[in-house]
Amino acid sequence: MQKGLAKYSAALTVMAEPMRQSILSIIGQSGKLRGKDILDKLDLTQPTLSHHMNVLLGAGLVTARKEGRCVWYSINKTTVKSIADAIISLNQETTVTVEITKAVSKKPATKPAVKPVSKPKVVKKPVVVEEPDTKDKKLKDKDKKKKKKNKDKDKDKTKKKKK
């Protein structure tokens, strides 16, 4: 039944937003409402409500009927019922699986035909941490200082020659 529910994934994603859930609930309680009536019941601006209604219309969760300047919104019962049936069928599939498991577990235990595969052992190699040789480090530091001094001397010589 995954295919049945998969075709409603866009509608379920739209329904996941809390404000849209509130809008659907308000419309569902009243049967049909104008956009103005929905605005009166929620703390929304007209553009925000318009956005949410367009998303709900696009997902097929709500229908709109225009009468003059007013747009009346109502729940699309066909789509909502189809989604509900798809979700209920998931529960029925789970129930069948549980019943089969119970029936299988009542049988007396027998030796398995195939030996279970054991997990491969993971051998961890020891981590070797080498400590830096402090003598080598000190020599490198001294070499750096000497090179820096030599550069400074060279700069001083070039400055004296320019004068």
Protein backbone atom coordinates (compact mmCIF):
# COMPACT_ATOMS: atom_id res chain seq x y z
CA MET A 1 0.00 0.00 0.00
CA GLN A 2 3.06 2.24 -0.04
CA LYS A 3 2.23 3.29 -3.58
CA GLY A 4 -1.20 4.46 -2.44
CA LEU A 5 0.24 6.60 0.31
CA ALA A 6 3.14 7.82 -1.84
CA LYS A 7 0.77 9.67 -4.18
CA TYR A 8 -0.44 11.68 -1.18
CA SER A 9 3.02 12.62 0.08
CA ALA A 10 2.69 16.20 -1.21
CA ALA A 11 -0.67 16.62 0.52
CA LEU A 12 0.71 15.15 3.75
CA THR A 13 3.66 17.54 3.59
CA VAL A 14 1.26 20.47 3.16
CA MET A 15 -0.82 19.23 6.11
CA ALA A 16 2.27 19.01 8.32
CA GLU A 17 2.43 22.81 8.74
CA PRO A 18 0.64 23.81 12.00
CA MET A 19 -1.09 26.90 10.59
CA ARG A 20 -2.55 24.88 7.72
CA GLN A 21 -3.77 22.31 10.23
CA SER A 22 -5.57 25.12 12.06
CA ILE A 23 -7.09 26.40 8.82
CA LEU A 24 -8.28 22.90 7.85
CA SER A 25 -9.75 22.40 11.32
CA ILE A 26 -11.66 25.70 11.20
CA ILE A 27 -13.03 24.99 7.73
CA GLY A 28 -13.90 21.42 8.70
CA GLN A 29 -15.89 22.55 11.74
CA SER A 30 -17.90 25.08 9.75
CA GLY A 31 -18.35 23.15 6.53
CA LYS A 32 -17.57 26.15 4.33
CA LEU A 33 -16.11 29.58 5.09
CA ARG A 34 -15.11 32.77 3.36
CA GLY A 35 -11.51 33.94 3.57
CA LYS A 36 -12.66 36.86 5.75
CA ASP A 37 -14.30 34.46 8.22
CA ILE A 38 -11.07 32.46 8.48
CA LEU A 39 -9.10 35.68 9.05
CA ASP A 40 -11.43 36.61 11.91
CA LYS A 41 -10.67 33.30 13.67
CA LEU A 42 -6.88 33.35 13.18
CA ASP A 43 -4.15 35.87 13.86
CA LEU A 44 -3.02 36.14 10.22
CA THR A 45 -2.67 38.81 7.59
CA GLN A 46 -4.67 38.52 4.39
CA PRO A 47 -1.58 37.84 2.21
CA THR A 48 -0.43 35.07 4.57
CA LEU A 49 -3.86 33.44 4.54
CA SER A 50 -3.96 33.75 0.76
CA HIS A 51 -0.61 31.95 0.53
CA HIS A 52 -1.75 29.11 2.79
CA MET A 53 -5.05 28.74 0.92
CA ASN A 54 -3.24 28.54 -2.43
CA VAL A 55 -0.96 25.81 -1.06
CA LEU A 56 -3.98 23.89 0.31
CA LEU A 57 -5.80 24.29 -3.01
CA GLY A 58 -2.73 23.11 -4.92
CA ALA A 59 -2.54 19.97 -2.77
CA GLY A 60 -6.23 19.27 -3.41
CA LEU A 61 -7.13 19.44 0.29
CA VAL A 62 -9.51 22.39 -0.10
CA THR A 63 -11.94 23.47 -2.80
CA ALA A 64 -12.82 27.07 -3.62
CA ARG A 65 -16.08 28.44 -5.05
CA LYS A 66 -16.31 32.08 -6.04
CA GLU A 67 -19.59 33.94 -5.49
CA GLY A 68 -19.30 37.55 -6.54
CA ARG A 69 -16.39 39.04 -4.62
CA CYS A 70 -16.32 36.29 -1.99
CA VAL A 71 -14.48 32.99 -2.22
CA TRP A 72 -16.00 30.15 -0.20
CA TYR A 73 -13.59 27.45 0.94
CA SER A 74 -14.51 23.91 1.95
CA ILE A 75 -12.66 20.67 2.65
CA ASN A 76 -12.18 18.42 -0.38
CA LYS A 77 -13.78 15.36 1.19
CA THR A 78 -12.69 13.02 -1.61
CA THR A 79 -8.99 13.74 -1.14
CA VAL A 80 -9.14 13.73 2.65
CA LYS A 81 -11.05 10.43 2.67
CA SER A 82 -8.53 8.86 0.29
CA ILE A 83 -5.63 9.95 2.49
CA ALA A 84 -7.40 8.67 5.61
CA ASP A 85 -8.11 5.30 3.92
CA ALA A 86 -4.45 4.99 2.88
CA ILE A 87 -3.31 5.67 6.45
CA ILE A 88 -5.86 3.22 7.90
CA SER A 89 -4.68 0.55 5.48
CA LEU A 90 -1.18 0.87 6.96
CA ASN A 91 -2.61 -0.15 10.32
CA GLN A 92 -4.41 -3.13 8.76
CA GLU A 93 -1.18 -4.33 7.10
CA THR A 94 0.60 -4.09 10.45
CA THR A 95 -2.15 -6.10 12.15
CA VAL A 96 -1.85 -8.88 9.56
CA THR A 97 1.92 -9.01 10.09
CA VAL A 98 1.48 -9.30 13.85
CA GLU A 99 -1.04 -12.12 13.48
CA ILE A 100 1.31 -14.04 11.20
CA THR A 101 4.16 -13.57 13.66
CA LYS A 102 2.04 -14.91 16.52
CA ALA A 103 1.05 -17.97 14.48
CA VAL A 104 4.68 -18.69 13.58
CA SER A 105 5.87 -18.30 17.18
CA LYS A 106 3.46 -21.04 18.39
CA LYS A 107 5.34 -23.73 16.45
CA PRO A 108 7.83 -25.82 18.43
CA ALA A 109 11.41 -24.69 18.14
CA THR A 110 13.48 -26.58 15.57
CA LYS A 111 17.05 -26.31 14.48
CA PRO A 112 17.51 -23.67 11.82
CA ALA A 113 18.31 -25.00 8.37
CA VAL A 114 20.97 -22.38 7.86
CA LYS A 115 23.54 -21.43 10.43
CA PRO A 116 23.28 -17.82 11.50
CA VAL A 117 26.02 -15.63 10.18
CA SER A 118 28.17 -14.25 12.94
CA LYS A 119 29.29 -10.68 12.87
CA PRO A 120 32.84 -10.16 11.65
CA LYS A 121 35.29 -9.30 14.37
CA VAL A 122 36.73 -5.85 14.16
CA VAL A 123 40.40 -5.74 15.04
CA LYS A 124 41.51 -2.37 16.24
CA LYS A 125 45.10 -1.49 15.61
CA PRO A 126 46.84 0.20 18.50
CA VAL A 127 47.43 3.88 17.94
CA VAL A 128 51.06 4.81 18.26
CA VAL A 129 51.66 8.34 19.40
CA GLU A 130 55.17 9.54 18.85
CA GLU A 131 56.44 12.24 21.10
CA PRO A 132 58.38 14.93 19.31
CA ASP A 133 62.07 14.89 19.87
CA THR A 134 62.69 17.99 21.94
CA LYS A 135 66.33 18.23 20.90
CA ASP A 136 65.43 18.32 17.21
CA LYS A 137 62.76 20.91 17.89
CA LYS A 138 65.18 23.13 19.80
CA LEU A 139 67.71 22.89 16.96
CA LYS A 140 65.06 23.86 14.43
CA ASP A 141 64.03 26.83 16.55
CA LYS A 142 67.65 27.96 16.78
CA ASP A 143 68.07 27.63 13.02
CA LYS A 144 64.99 29.77 12.45
CA LYS A 145 66.31 32.47 14.78
CA LYS A 146 69.68 32.48 13.04
CA LYS A 147 68.08 32.81 9.62
CA LYS A 148 65.93 35.67 10.85
CA LYS A 149 68.97 37.46 12.29
CA ASN A 150 70.84 37.00 9.02
CA LYS A 151 67.93 38.47 7.08
CA ASP A 152 67.79 41.43 9.42
CA LYS A 153 71.55 41.99 8.97
CA ASP A 154 71.18 41.82 5.20
CA LYS A 155 68.42 44.40 5.31
CA ASP A 156 70.54 46.70 7.44
CA LYS A 157 73.45 46.36 4.99
CA THR A 158 71.25 47.20 1.99
CA LYS A 159 69.90 50.25 3.81
CA LYS A 160 73.43 51.50 4.57
CA LYS A 161 74.48 51.03 0.94
CA LYS A 162 71.51 53.05 -0.28
CA LYS A 163 72.53 56.01 1.91
